[in-house]
Amino acid sequence: VQLVESGGGLVQAGGSLRLSCTFSGMGSDDYTIGWFREVPGKQRDLVATITTGGSTTYADSVKGRFTISRDNAKNTVYLQMNGLKPEDTSVYYCNLWYFSGSSRRSYWGQGTQVTVSS
């Protein structure tokens, strides 16, 4: 399974960005994709998730500002980020996980930098 993120960049506070995560090589049709973010020296935090059924979850810090969605035909998950704040500055990672029997399989993308200037 391979995941490739894109869409990061530099934006002013209050602006918007849309991140994309395109995946391939996935044989199962029951998996979850999440967006995480990490600042150097800190832990990687969960931002949002979406299941194959379309159920979503969000971190409290991004509720009402970020929206996760998916295009199954394109094997792509998006993270629409509106009302960006300087504290949203991070490297954003896409993660796909699923269960095979009792084993949890997890795959990461390479990350994309998001920088929000004040």
PDB file of N, CA and C in Angstrom:
ATOM      1  N   VAL A   1       0.853  -1.186   0.000  1.00  0.00           N
ATOM      2  CA  VAL A   1       0.000   0.000   0.000  1.00  0.00           C
ATOM      3  C   VAL A   1       0.889   1.237   0.000  1.00  0.00           C
ATOM      4  N   GLN A   2       0.592   2.146  -0.876  1.00  0.00           N
ATOM      5  CA  GLN A   2       1.347   3.399  -0.941  1.00  0.00           C
ATOM      6  C   GLN A   2       0.395   4.577  -0.831  1.00  0.00           C
ATOM      7  N   LEU A   3       0.832   5.589  -0.105  1.00  0.00           N
ATOM      8  CA  LEU A   3       0.059   6.803   0.047  1.00  0.00           C
ATOM      9  C   LEU A   3       0.925   8.000  -0.324  1.00  0.00           C
ATOM     10  N   VAL A   4       0.347   8.927  -1.042  1.00  0.00           N
ATOM     11  CA  VAL A   4       1.057  10.122  -1.453  1.00  0.00           C
ATOM     12  C   VAL A   4       0.212  11.344  -1.111  1.00  0.00           C
ATOM     13  N   GLU A   5       0.791  12.218  -0.274  1.00  0.00           N
ATOM     14  CA  GLU A   5       0.092  13.450   0.089  1.00  0.00           C
ATOM     15  C   GLU A   5       0.518  14.588  -0.826  1.00  0.00           C
ATOM     16  N   SER A   6      -0.363  15.536  -0.980  1.00  0.00           N
ATOM     17  CA  SER A   6      -0.043  16.747  -1.736  1.00  0.00           C
ATOM     18  C   SER A   6      -0.954  17.871  -1.254  1.00  0.00           C
ATOM     19  N   GLY A   7      -0.607  19.093  -1.653  1.00  0.00           N
ATOM     20  CA  GLY A   7      -1.474  20.222  -1.351  1.00  0.00           C
ATOM     21  C   GLY A   7      -0.991  21.136  -0.249  1.00  0.00           C
ATOM     22  N   GLY A   8       0.101  20.783   0.400  1.00  0.00           N
ATOM     23  CA  GLY A   8       0.616  21.655   1.443  1.00  0.00           C
ATOM     24  C   GLY A   8       1.200  22.931   0.863  1.00  0.00           C
ATOM     25  N   GLY A   9       1.543  23.853   1.743  1.00  0.00           N
ATOM     26  CA  GLY A   9       2.122  25.102   1.293  1.00  0.00           C
ATOM     27  C   GLY A   9       2.094  26.151   2.371  1.00  0.00           C
ATOM     28  N   LEU A  10       2.337  27.380   1.937  1.00  0.00           N
ATOM     29  CA  LEU A  10       2.357  28.536   2.830  1.00  0.00           C
ATOM     30  C   LEU A  10       1.096  29.352   2.602  1.00  0.00           C
ATOM     31  N   VAL A  11       0.414  29.682   3.694  1.00  0.00           N
ATOM     32  CA  VAL A  11      -0.826  30.453   3.591  1.00  0.00           C
ATOM     33  C   VAL A  11      -0.902  31.406   4.763  1.00  0.00           C
ATOM     34  N   GLN A  12      -1.587  32.518   4.574  1.00  0.00           N
ATOM     35  CA  GLN A  12      -1.778  33.461   5.663  1.00  0.00           C
ATOM     36  C   GLN A  12      -2.886  32.989   6.593  1.00  0.00           C
ATOM     37  N   ALA A  13      -2.817  33.442   7.817  1.00  0.00           N
ATOM     38  CA  ALA A  13      -3.862  33.109   8.786  1.00  0.00           C
ATOM     39  C   ALA A  13      -5.224  33.515   8.234  1.00  0.00           C
ATOM     40  N   GLY A  14      -6.181  32.636   8.439  1.00  0.00           N
ATOM     41  CA  GLY A  14      -7.519  32.847   7.899  1.00  0.00           C
ATOM     42  C   GLY A  14      -7.725  32.243   6.529  1.00  0.00           C
ATOM     43  N   GLY A  15      -6.662  31.817   5.900  1.00  0.00           N
ATOM     44  CA  GLY A  15      -6.736  31.252   4.564  1.00  0.00           C
ATOM     45  C   GLY A  15      -7.127  29.783   4.569  1.00  0.00           C
ATOM     46  N   SER A  16      -7.098  29.186   3.378  1.00  0.00           N
ATOM     47  CA  SER A  16      -7.526  27.801   3.202  1.00  0.00           C
ATOM     48  C   SER A  16      -6.508  27.015   2.381  1.00  0.00           C
ATOM     49  N   LEU A  17      -6.485  25.730   2.629  1.00  0.00           N
ATOM     50  CA  LEU A  17      -5.718  24.785   1.834  1.00  0.00           C
ATOM     51  C   LEU A  17      -6.512  23.497   1.751  1.00  0.00           C
ATOM     52  N   ARG A  18      -6.295  22.753   0.691  1.00  0.00           N
ATOM     53  CA  ARG A  18      -6.870  21.416   0.593  1.00  0.00           C
ATOM     54  C   ARG A  18      -5.759  20.410   0.370  1.00  0.00           C
ATOM     55  N   LEU A  19      -5.636  19.496   1.305  1.00  0.00           N
ATOM     56  CA  LEU A  19      -4.663  18.422   1.191  1.00  0.00           C
ATOM     57  C   LEU A  19      -5.311  17.216   0.523  1.00  0.00           C
ATOM     58  N   SER A  20      -4.509  16.485  -0.236  1.00  0.00           N
ATOM     59  CA  SER A  20      -4.975  15.260  -0.880  1.00  0.00           C
ATOM     60  C   SER A  20      -4.087  14.100  -0.475  1.00  0.00           C
ATOM     61  N   CYS A  21      -4.691  12.957  -0.341  1.00  0.00           N
ATOM     62  CA  CYS A  21      -3.967  11.719  -0.045  1.00  0.00           C
ATOM     63  C   CYS A  21      -4.472  10.676  -1.030  1.00  0.00           C
ATOM     64  N   THR A  22      -3.616  10.291  -1.957  1.00  0.00           N
ATOM     65  CA  THR A  22      -3.976   9.289  -2.958  1.00  0.00           C
ATOM     66  C   THR A  22      -3.278   7.986  -2.604  1.00  0.00           C
ATOM     67  N   PHE A  23      -4.038   6.898  -2.566  1.00  0.00           N
ATOM     68  CA  PHE A  23      -3.463   5.625  -2.160  1.00  0.00           C
ATOM     69  C   PHE A  23      -3.651   4.583  -3.251  1.00  0.00           C
ATOM     70  N   SER A  24      -2.793   3.577  -3.189  1.00  0.00           N
ATOM     71  CA  SER A  24      -2.846   2.496  -4.165  1.00  0.00           C
ATOM     72  C   SER A  24      -2.413   1.200  -3.504  1.00  0.00           C
ATOM     73  N   GLY A  25      -2.757   0.101  -4.144  1.00  0.00           N
ATOM     74  CA  GLY A  25      -2.348  -1.205  -3.644  1.00  0.00           C
ATOM     75  C   GLY A  25      -3.185  -1.737  -2.509  1.00  0.00           C
ATOM     76  N   MET A  26      -4.343  -1.152  -2.300  1.00  0.00           N
ATOM     77  CA  MET A  26      -5.191  -1.573  -1.190  1.00  0.00           C
ATOM     78  C   MET A  26      -6.168  -2.635  -1.665  1.00  0.00           C
ATOM     79  N   GLY A  27      -6.044  -3.854  -1.081  1.00  0.00           N
ATOM     80  CA  GLY A  27      -6.894  -4.942  -1.525  1.00  0.00           C
ATOM     81  C   GLY A  27      -8.174  -5.061  -0.744  1.00  0.00           C
ATOM     82  N   SER A  28      -8.185  -4.611   0.501  1.00  0.00           N
ATOM     83  CA  SER A  28      -9.373  -4.691   1.342  1.00  0.00           C
ATOM     84  C   SER A  28     -10.282  -3.495   1.084  1.00  0.00           C
ATOM     85  N   ASP A  29     -11.581  -3.688   1.318  1.00  0.00           N
ATOM     86  CA  ASP A  29     -12.524  -2.581   1.150  1.00  0.00           C
ATOM     87  C   ASP A  29     -13.071  -2.112   2.492  1.00  0.00           C
ATOM     88  N   ASP A  30     -12.367  -2.443   3.552  1.00  0.00           N
ATOM     89  CA  ASP A  30     -12.799  -2.026   4.890  1.00  0.00           C
ATOM     90  C   ASP A  30     -11.590  -1.446   5.606  1.00  0.00           C
ATOM     91  N   TYR A  31     -11.428  -0.145   5.531  1.00  0.00           N
ATOM     92  CA  TYR A  31     -10.266   0.492   6.119  1.00  0.00           C
ATOM     93  C   TYR A  31     -10.637   1.909   6.543  1.00  0.00           C
ATOM     94  N   THR A  32      -9.745   2.502   7.279  1.00  0.00           N
ATOM     95  CA  THR A  32      -9.914   3.876   7.739  1.00  0.00           C
ATOM     96  C   THR A  32      -8.703   4.692   7.310  1.00  0.00           C
ATOM     97  N   ILE A  33      -8.943   5.906   6.926  1.00  0.00           N
ATOM     98  CA  ILE A  33      -7.849   6.820   6.599  1.00  0.00           C
ATOM     99  C   ILE A  33      -7.934   8.014   7.522  1.00  0.00           C
ATOM    100  N   GLY A  34      -6.786   8.370   8.043  1.00  0.00           N
ATOM    101  CA  GLY A  34      -6.724   9.509   8.944  1.00  0.00           C
ATOM    102  C   GLY A  34      -5.662  10.495   8.519  1.00  0.00           C
ATOM    103  N   TRP A  35      -5.892  11.734   8.873  1.00  0.00           N
ATOM    104  CA  TRP A  35      -4.872  12.770   8.737  1.00  0.00           C
ATOM    105  C   TRP A  35      -4.313  13.051  10.130  1.00  0.00           C
ATOM    106  N   PHE A  36      -2.993  13.065  10.210  1.00  0.00           N
ATOM    107  CA  PHE A  36      -2.277  13.384  11.440  1.00  0.00           C
ATOM    108  C   PHE A  36      -1.387  14.585  11.161  1.00  0.00           C
ATOM    109  N   ARG A  37      -0.931  15.233  12.227  1.00  0.00           N
ATOM    110  CA  ARG A  37       0.036  16.307  12.049  1.00  0.00           C
ATOM    111  C   ARG A  37       1.070  16.244  13.157  1.00  0.00           C
ATOM    112  N   GLU A  38       2.246  16.706  12.802  1.00  0.00           N
ATOM    113  CA  GLU A  38       3.361  16.607  13.730  1.00  0.00           C
ATOM    114  C   GLU A  38       4.240  17.833  13.622  1.00  0.00           C
ATOM    115  N   VAL A  39       4.548  18.394  14.786  1.00  0.00           N
ATOM    116  CA  VAL A  39       5.516  19.475  14.903  1.00  0.00           C
ATOM    117  C   VAL A  39       6.787  18.854  15.465  1.00  0.00           C
ATOM    118  N   PRO A  40       7.963  19.205  14.932  1.00  0.00           N
ATOM    119  CA  PRO A  40       9.217  18.626  15.455  1.00  0.00           C
ATOM    120  C   PRO A  40       9.302  18.730  16.967  1.00  0.00           C
ATOM    121  N   GLY A  41       9.637  17.607  17.584  1.00  0.00           N
ATOM    122  CA  GLY A  41       9.781  17.576  19.028  1.00  0.00           C
ATOM    123  C   GLY A  41       8.512  17.262  19.778  1.00  0.00           C
ATOM    124  N   LYS A  42       7.405  17.138  19.051  1.00  0.00           N
ATOM    125  CA  LYS A  42       6.140  16.823  19.688  1.00  0.00           C
ATOM    126  C   LYS A  42       5.559  15.550  19.080  1.00  0.00           C
ATOM    127  N   GLN A  43       4.545  15.011  19.738  1.00  0.00           N
ATOM    128  CA  GLN A  43       3.951  13.783  19.235  1.00  0.00           C
ATOM    129  C   GLN A  43       3.093  14.068  18.015  1.00  0.00           C
ATOM    130  N   ARG A  44       2.876  13.022  17.250  1.00  0.00           N
ATOM    131  CA  ARG A  44       2.024  13.129  16.076  1.00  0.00           C
ATOM    132  C   ARG A  44       0.568  13.027  16.534  1.00  0.00           C
ATOM    133  N   ASP A  45      -0.211  14.016  16.200  1.00  0.00           N
ATOM    134  CA  ASP A  45      -1.591  14.100  16.673  1.00  0.00           C
ATOM    135  C   ASP A  45      -2.584  13.785  15.565  1.00  0.00           C
ATOM    136  N   LEU A  46      -3.660  13.121  15.954  1.00  0.00           N
ATOM    137  CA  LEU A  46      -4.739  12.822  15.015  1.00  0.00           C
ATOM    138  C   LEU A  46      -5.558  14.077  14.746  1.00  0.00           C
ATOM    139  N   VAL A  47      -5.832  14.327  13.474  1.00  0.00           N
ATOM    140  CA  VAL A  47      -6.608  15.495  13.085  1.00  0.00           C
ATOM    141  C   VAL A  47      -8.032  15.093  12.692  1.00  0.00           C
ATOM    142  N   ALA A  48      -8.138  14.092  11.822  1.00  0.00           N
ATOM    143  CA  ALA A  48      -9.451  13.669  11.339  1.00  0.00           C
ATOM    144  C   ALA A  48      -9.346  12.276  10.757  1.00  0.00           C
ATOM    145  N   THR A  49     -10.468  11.559  10.766  1.00  0.00           N
ATOM    146  CA  THR A  49     -10.518  10.230  10.171  1.00  0.00           C
ATOM    147  C   THR A  49     -11.784  10.070   9.343  1.00  0.00           C
ATOM    148  N   ILE A  50     -11.715   9.123   8.406  1.00  0.00           N
ATOM    149  CA  ILE A  50     -12.892   8.777   7.619  1.00  0.00           C
ATOM    150  C   ILE A  50     -12.834   7.293   7.302  1.00  0.00           C
ATOM    151  N   THR A  51     -13.953   6.614   7.465  1.00  0.00           N
ATOM    152  CA  THR A  51     -14.024   5.185   7.180  1.00  0.00           C
ATOM    153  C   THR A  51     -14.507   4.967   5.751  1.00  0.00           C
ATOM    154  N   THR A  52     -14.466   3.714   5.326  1.00  0.00           N
ATOM    155  CA  THR A  52     -14.973   3.398   3.996  1.00  0.00           C
ATOM    156  C   THR A  52     -16.468   3.674   3.910  1.00  0.00           C
ATOM    157  N   GLY A  53     -17.151   3.626   5.056  1.00  0.00           N
ATOM    158  CA  GLY A  53     -18.573   3.932   5.070  1.00  0.00           C
ATOM    159  C   GLY A  53     -18.886   5.414   5.113  1.00  0.00           C
ATOM    160  N   GLY A  54     -17.845   6.219   5.274  1.00  0.00           N
ATOM    161  CA  GLY A  54     -18.031   7.666   5.264  1.00  0.00           C
ATOM    162  C   GLY A  54     -18.161   8.313   6.631  1.00  0.00           C
ATOM    163  N   SER A  55     -18.038   7.523   7.702  1.00  0.00           N
ATOM    164  CA  SER A  55     -18.097   8.105   9.043  1.00  0.00           C
ATOM    165  C   SER A  55     -16.826   8.899   9.307  1.00  0.00           C
ATOM    166  N   THR A  56     -16.996  10.045   9.953  1.00  0.00           N
ATOM    167  CA  THR A  56     -15.859  10.930  10.187  1.00  0.00           C
ATOM    168  C   THR A  56     -15.710  11.278  11.664  1.00  0.00           C
ATOM    169  N   THR A  57     -14.482  11.586  12.046  1.00  0.00           N
ATOM    170  CA  THR A  57     -14.199  12.115  13.377  1.00  0.00           C
ATOM    171  C   THR A  57     -13.201  13.255  13.212  1.00  0.00           C
ATOM    172  N   TYR A  58     -13.210  14.155  14.181  1.00  0.00           N
ATOM    173  CA  TYR A  58     -12.320  15.310  14.152  1.00  0.00           C
ATOM    174  C   TYR A  58     -11.760  15.586  15.533  1.00  0.00           C
ATOM    175  N   ALA A  59     -10.529  16.095  15.547  1.00  0.00           N
ATOM    176  CA  ALA A  59      -9.977  16.620  16.785  1.00  0.00           C
ATOM    177  C   ALA A  59     -10.741  17.892  17.146  1.00  0.00           C
ATOM    178  N   ASP A  60     -10.883  18.125  18.439  1.00  0.00           N
ATOM    179  CA  ASP A  60     -11.618  19.315  18.884  1.00  0.00           C
ATOM    180  C   ASP A  60     -11.026  20.603  18.320  1.00  0.00           C
ATOM    181  N   SER A  61      -9.708  20.610  18.148  1.00  0.00           N
ATOM    182  CA  SER A  61      -9.026  21.831  17.709  1.00  0.00           C
ATOM    183  C   SER A  61      -9.344  22.221  16.272  1.00  0.00           C
ATOM    184  N   VAL A  62      -9.901  21.286  15.491  1.00  0.00           N
ATOM    185  CA  VAL A  62     -10.171  21.589  14.083  1.00  0.00           C
ATOM    186  C   VAL A  62     -11.657  21.503  13.737  1.00  0.00           C
ATOM    187  N   LYS A  63     -12.481  21.112  14.673  1.00  0.00           N
ATOM    188  CA  LYS A  63     -13.918  21.002  14.396  1.00  0.00           C
ATOM    189  C   LYS A  63     -14.482  22.338  13.926  1.00  0.00           C
ATOM    190  N   GLY A  64     -15.270  22.265  12.869  1.00  0.00           N
ATOM    191  CA  GLY A  64     -15.870  23.478  12.315  1.00  0.00           C
ATOM    192  C   GLY A  64     -14.976  24.198  11.327  1.00  0.00           C
ATOM    193  N   ARG A  65     -13.705  23.820  11.250  1.00  0.00           N
ATOM    194  CA  ARG A  65     -12.780  24.460  10.317  1.00  0.00           C
ATOM    195  C   ARG A  65     -12.282  23.496   9.239  1.00  0.00           C
ATOM    196  N   PHE A  66     -12.055  22.245   9.615  1.00  0.00           N
ATOM    197  CA  PHE A  66     -11.530  21.248   8.689  1.00  0.00           C
ATOM    198  C   PHE A  66     -12.631  20.267   8.313  1.00  0.00           C
ATOM    199  N   THR A  67     -12.566  19.779   7.079  1.00  0.00           N
ATOM    200  CA  THR A  67     -13.504  18.767   6.610  1.00  0.00           C
ATOM    201  C   THR A  67     -12.743  17.668   5.878  1.00  0.00           C
ATOM    202  N   ILE A  68     -12.961  16.434   6.297  1.00  0.00           N
ATOM    203  CA  ILE A  68     -12.349  15.292   5.625  1.00  0.00           C
ATOM    204  C   ILE A  68     -13.396  14.670   4.710  1.00  0.00           C
ATOM    205  N   SER A  69     -12.968  14.275   3.521  1.00  0.00           N
ATOM    206  CA  SER A  69     -13.888  13.662   2.566  1.00  0.00           C
ATOM    207  C   SER A  69     -13.104  12.686   1.699  1.00  0.00           C
ATOM    208  N   ARG A  70     -13.837  11.906   0.908  1.00  0.00           N
ATOM    209  CA  ARG A  70     -13.153  10.933   0.073  1.00  0.00           C
ATOM    210  C   ARG A  70     -13.821  10.806  -1.285  1.00  0.00           C
ATOM    211  N   ASP A  71     -13.021  10.460  -2.265  1.00  0.00           N
ATOM    212  CA  ASP A  71     -13.498  10.151  -3.609  1.00  0.00           C
ATOM    213  C   ASP A  71     -13.058   8.726  -3.893  1.00  0.00           C
ATOM    214  N   ASN A  72     -13.969   7.781  -3.725  1.00  0.00           N
ATOM    215  CA  ASN A  72     -13.610   6.374  -3.864  1.00  0.00           C
ATOM    216  C   ASN A  72     -13.144   6.047  -5.281  1.00  0.00           C
ATOM    217  N   ALA A  73     -13.705   6.701  -6.270  1.00  0.00           N
ATOM    218  CA  ALA A  73     -13.319   6.426  -7.657  1.00  0.00           C
ATOM    219  C   ALA A  73     -11.877   6.802  -7.926  1.00  0.00           C
ATOM    220  N   LYS A  74     -11.389   7.788  -7.178  1.00  0.00           N
ATOM    221  CA  LYS A  74     -10.014   8.258  -7.367  1.00  0.00           C
ATOM    222  C   LYS A  74      -9.068   7.737  -6.291  1.00  0.00           C
ATOM    223  N   ASN A  75      -9.585   6.909  -5.369  1.00  0.00           N
ATOM    224  CA  ASN A  75      -8.760   6.431  -4.245  1.00  0.00           C
ATOM    225  C   ASN A  75      -8.054   7.601  -3.559  1.00  0.00           C
ATOM    226  N   THR A  76      -8.801   8.626  -3.291  1.00  0.00           N
ATOM    227  CA  THR A  76      -8.231   9.837  -2.726  1.00  0.00           C
ATOM    228  C   THR A  76      -9.077  10.334  -1.556  1.00  0.00           C
ATOM    229  N   VAL A  77      -8.391  10.755  -0.521  1.00  0.00           N
ATOM    230  CA  VAL A  77      -9.022  11.380   0.636  1.00  0.00           C
ATOM    231  C   VAL A  77      -8.516  12.815   0.718  1.00  0.00           C
ATOM    232  N   TYR A  78      -9.425  13.718   1.033  1.00  0.00           N
ATOM    233  CA  TYR A  78      -9.089  15.139   1.097  1.00  0.00           C
ATOM    234  C   TYR A  78      -9.236  15.668   2.519  1.00  0.00           C
ATOM    235  N   LEU A  79      -8.465  16.700   2.797  1.00  0.00           N
ATOM    236  CA  LEU A  79      -8.647  17.442   4.033  1.00  0.00           C
ATOM    237  C   LEU A  79      -8.748  18.919   3.650  1.00  0.00           C
ATOM    238  N   GLN A  80      -9.971  19.421   3.683  1.00  0.00           N
ATOM    239  CA  GLN A  80     -10.201  20.842   3.408  1.00  0.00           C
ATOM    240  C   GLN A  80      -9.995  21.607   4.701  1.00  0.00           C
ATOM    241  N   MET A  81      -9.067  22.531   4.675  1.00  0.00           N
ATOM    242  CA  MET A  81      -8.718  23.284   5.867  1.00  0.00           C
ATOM    243  C   MET A  81      -9.045  24.755   5.647  1.00  0.00           C
ATOM    244  N   ASN A  82     -10.022  25.243   6.395  1.00  0.00           N
ATOM    245  CA  ASN A  82     -10.431  26.639   6.322  1.00  0.00           C
ATOM    246  C   ASN A  82     -10.132  27.347   7.638  1.00  0.00           C
ATOM    247  N   GLY A  83     -10.084  28.645   7.601  1.00  0.00           N
ATOM    248  CA  GLY A  83      -9.822  29.390   8.823  1.00  0.00           C
ATOM    249  C   GLY A  83      -8.516  28.989   9.484  1.00  0.00           C
ATOM    250  N   LEU A  84      -7.488  28.825   8.686  1.00  0.00           N
ATOM    251  CA  LEU A  84      -6.215  28.335   9.220  1.00  0.00           C
ATOM    252  C   LEU A  84      -5.604  29.314  10.205  1.00  0.00           C
ATOM    253  N   LYS A  85      -4.967  28.735  11.206  1.00  0.00           N
ATOM    254  CA  LYS A  85      -4.330  29.493  12.273  1.00  0.00           C
ATOM    255  C   LYS A  85      -2.839  29.158  12.303  1.00  0.00           C
ATOM    256  N   PRO A  86      -2.014  30.054  12.826  1.00  0.00           N
ATOM    257  CA  PRO A  86      -0.574  29.730  12.922  1.00  0.00           C
ATOM    258  C   PRO A  86      -0.307  28.427  13.654  1.00  0.00           C
ATOM    259  N   GLU A  87      -1.128  28.101  14.630  1.00  0.00           N
ATOM    260  CA  GLU A  87      -0.921  26.845  15.369  1.00  0.00           C
ATOM    261  C   GLU A  87      -1.268  25.603  14.561  1.00  0.00           C
ATOM    262  N   ASP A  88      -1.814  25.767  13.365  1.00  0.00           N
ATOM    263  CA  ASP A  88      -2.038  24.631  12.468  1.00  0.00           C
ATOM    264  C   ASP A  88      -0.779  24.268  11.691  1.00  0.00           C
ATOM    265  N   THR A  89       0.255  25.088  11.817  1.00  0.00           N
ATOM    266  CA  THR A  89       1.508  24.816  11.123  1.00  0.00           C
ATOM    267  C   THR A  89       2.078  23.483  11.590  1.00  0.00           C
ATOM    268  N   SER A  90       2.282  22.573  10.663  1.00  0.00           N
ATOM    269  CA  SER A  90       2.769  21.229  10.965  1.00  0.00           C
ATOM    270  C   SER A  90       3.115  20.518   9.666  1.00  0.00           C
ATOM    271  N   VAL A  91       3.732  19.379   9.808  1.00  0.00           N
ATOM    272  CA  VAL A  91       3.778  18.425   8.706  1.00  0.00           C
ATOM    273  C   VAL A  91       2.546  17.532   8.844  1.00  0.00           C
ATOM    274  N   TYR A  92       1.782  17.431   7.792  1.00  0.00           N
ATOM    275  CA  TYR A  92       0.556  16.639   7.803  1.00  0.00           C
ATOM    276  C   TYR A  92       0.803  15.302   7.102  1.00  0.00           C
ATOM    277  N   TYR A  93       0.392  14.244   7.779  1.00  0.00           N
ATOM    278  CA  TYR A  93       0.589  12.892   7.281  1.00  0.00           C
ATOM    279  C   TYR A  93      -0.747  12.196   7.081  1.00  0.00           C
ATOM    280  N   CYS A  94      -0.792  11.404   6.043  1.00  0.00           N
ATOM    281  CA  CYS A  94      -1.938  10.562   5.757  1.00  0.00           C
ATOM    282  C   CYS A  94      -1.610   9.138   6.237  1.00  0.00           C
ATOM    283  N   ASN A  95      -2.573   8.506   6.877  1.00  0.00           N
ATOM    284  CA  ASN A  95      -2.377   7.157   7.414  1.00  0.00           C
ATOM    285  C   ASN A  95      -3.571   6.290   7.053  1.00  0.00           C
ATOM    286  N   LEU A  96      -3.294   5.124   6.541  1.00  0.00           N
ATOM    287  CA  LEU A  96      -4.348   4.148   6.232  1.00  0.00           C
ATOM    288  C   LEU A  96      -4.152   2.944   7.131  1.00  0.00           C
ATOM    289  N   TRP A  97      -5.201   2.481   7.757  1.00  0.00           N
ATOM    290  CA  TRP A  97      -5.092   1.273   8.571  1.00  0.00           C
ATOM    291  C   TRP A  97      -6.319   0.381   8.397  1.00  0.00           C
ATOM    292  N   TYR A  98      -6.062  -0.898   8.591  1.00  0.00           N
ATOM    293  CA  TYR A  98      -7.148  -1.877   8.552  1.00  0.00           C
ATOM    294  C   TYR A  98      -6.734  -3.074   9.369  1.00  0.00           C
ATOM    295  N   PHE A  99      -7.709  -3.943   9.648  1.00  0.00           N
ATOM    296  CA  PHE A  99      -7.454  -5.133  10.439  1.00  0.00           C
ATOM    297  C   PHE A  99      -7.528  -6.352   9.530  1.00  0.00           C
ATOM    298  N   SER A 100      -6.493  -7.184   9.666  1.00  0.00           N
ATOM    299  CA  SER A 100      -6.448  -8.451   8.954  1.00  0.00           C
ATOM    300  C   SER A 100      -6.434  -9.528  10.020  1.00  0.00           C
ATOM    301  N   GLY A 101      -7.594 -10.116  10.265  1.00  0.00           N
ATOM    302  CA  GLY A 101      -7.701 -11.013  11.406  1.00  0.00           C
ATOM    303  C   GLY A 101      -7.538 -10.206  12.677  1.00  0.00           C
ATOM    304  N   SER A 102      -6.580 -10.573  13.493  1.00  0.00           N
ATOM    305  CA  SER A 102      -6.324  -9.849  14.731  1.00  0.00           C
ATOM    306  C   SER A 102      -5.192  -8.835  14.584  1.00  0.00           C
ATOM    307  N   SER A 103      -4.626  -8.753  13.394  1.00  0.00           N
ATOM    308  CA  SER A 103      -3.486  -7.864  13.165  1.00  0.00           C
ATOM    309  C   SER A 103      -3.950  -6.540  12.577  1.00  0.00           C
ATOM    310  N   ARG A 104      -3.365  -5.462  13.091  1.00  0.00           N
ATOM    311  CA  ARG A 104      -3.646  -4.133  12.556  1.00  0.00           C
ATOM    312  C   ARG A 104      -2.526  -3.748  11.611  1.00  0.00           C
ATOM    313  N   ARG A 105      -2.876  -3.450  10.392  1.00  0.00           N
ATOM    314  CA  ARG A 105      -1.912  -3.015   9.387  1.00  0.00           C
ATOM    315  C   ARG A 105      -2.033  -1.504   9.218  1.00  0.00           C
ATOM    316  N   SER A 106      -0.892  -0.849   9.117  1.00  0.00           N
ATOM    317  CA  SER A 106      -0.878   0.615   9.062  1.00  0.00           C
ATOM    318  C   SER A 106       0.155   1.084   8.063  1.00  0.00           C
ATOM    319  N   TYR A 107      -0.214   2.078   7.265  1.00  0.00           N
ATOM    320  CA  TYR A 107       0.671   2.623   6.239  1.00  0.00           C
ATOM    321  C   TYR A 107       0.621   4.149   6.293  1.00  0.00           C
ATOM    322  N   TRP A 108       1.819   4.758   6.070  1.00  0.00           N
ATOM    323  CA  TRP A 108       1.934   6.207   6.135  1.00  0.00           C
ATOM    324  C   TRP A 108       2.411   6.790   4.811  1.00  0.00           C
ATOM    325  N   GLY A 109       1.992   8.011   4.561  1.00  0.00           N
ATOM    326  CA  GLY A 109       2.555   8.773   3.469  1.00  0.00           C
ATOM    327  C   GLY A 109       3.812   9.492   3.935  1.00  0.00           C
ATOM    328  N   GLN A 110       4.395  10.268   3.043  1.00  0.00           N
ATOM    329  CA  GLN A 110       5.664  10.923   3.340  1.00  0.00           C
ATOM    330  C   GLN A 110       5.485  12.259   4.044  1.00  0.00           C
ATOM    331  N   GLY A 111       4.263  12.777   4.062  1.00  0.00           N
ATOM    332  CA  GLY A 111       3.990  14.035   4.730  1.00  0.00           C
ATOM    333  C   GLY A 111       4.047  15.222   3.798  1.00  0.00           C
ATOM    334  N   THR A 112       3.297  16.252   4.151  1.00  0.00           N
ATOM    335  CA  THR A 112       3.314  17.494   3.394  1.00  0.00           C
ATOM    336  C   THR A 112       3.291  18.661   4.384  1.00  0.00           C
ATOM    337  N   GLN A 113       4.134  19.637   4.143  1.00  0.00           N
ATOM    338  CA  GLN A 113       4.293  20.755   5.080  1.00  0.00           C
ATOM    339  C   GLN A 113       3.190  21.793   4.869  1.00  0.00           C
ATOM    340  N   VAL A 114       2.590  22.194   5.972  1.00  0.00           N
ATOM    341  CA  VAL A 114       1.628  23.296   5.976  1.00  0.00           C
ATOM    342  C   VAL A 114       2.170  24.371   6.911  1.00  0.00           C
ATOM    343  N   THR A 115       2.321  25.566   6.379  1.00  0.00           N
ATOM    344  CA  THR A 115       2.824  26.681   7.173  1.00  0.00           C
ATOM    345  C   THR A 115       1.817  27.825   7.108  1.00  0.00           C
ATOM    346  N   VAL A 116       1.380  28.275   8.270  1.00  0.00           N
ATOM    347  CA  VAL A 116       0.403  29.355   8.344  1.00  0.00           C
ATOM    348  C   VAL A 116       1.082  30.559   8.989  1.00  0.00           C
ATOM    349  N   SER A 117       1.157  31.641   8.247  1.00  0.00           N
ATOM    350  CA  SER A 117       1.811  32.843   8.755  1.00  0.00           C
ATOM    351  C   SER A 117       0.783  33.763   9.414  1.00  0.00           C
ATOM    352  N   SER A 118       1.248  34.468  10.433  1.00  0.00           N
ATOM    353  CA  SER A 118       0.334  35.368  11.173  1.00  0.00           C
ATOM    354  C   SER A 118       0.300  36.751  10.549  1.00  0.00           C
TER     355      SER A 118
END
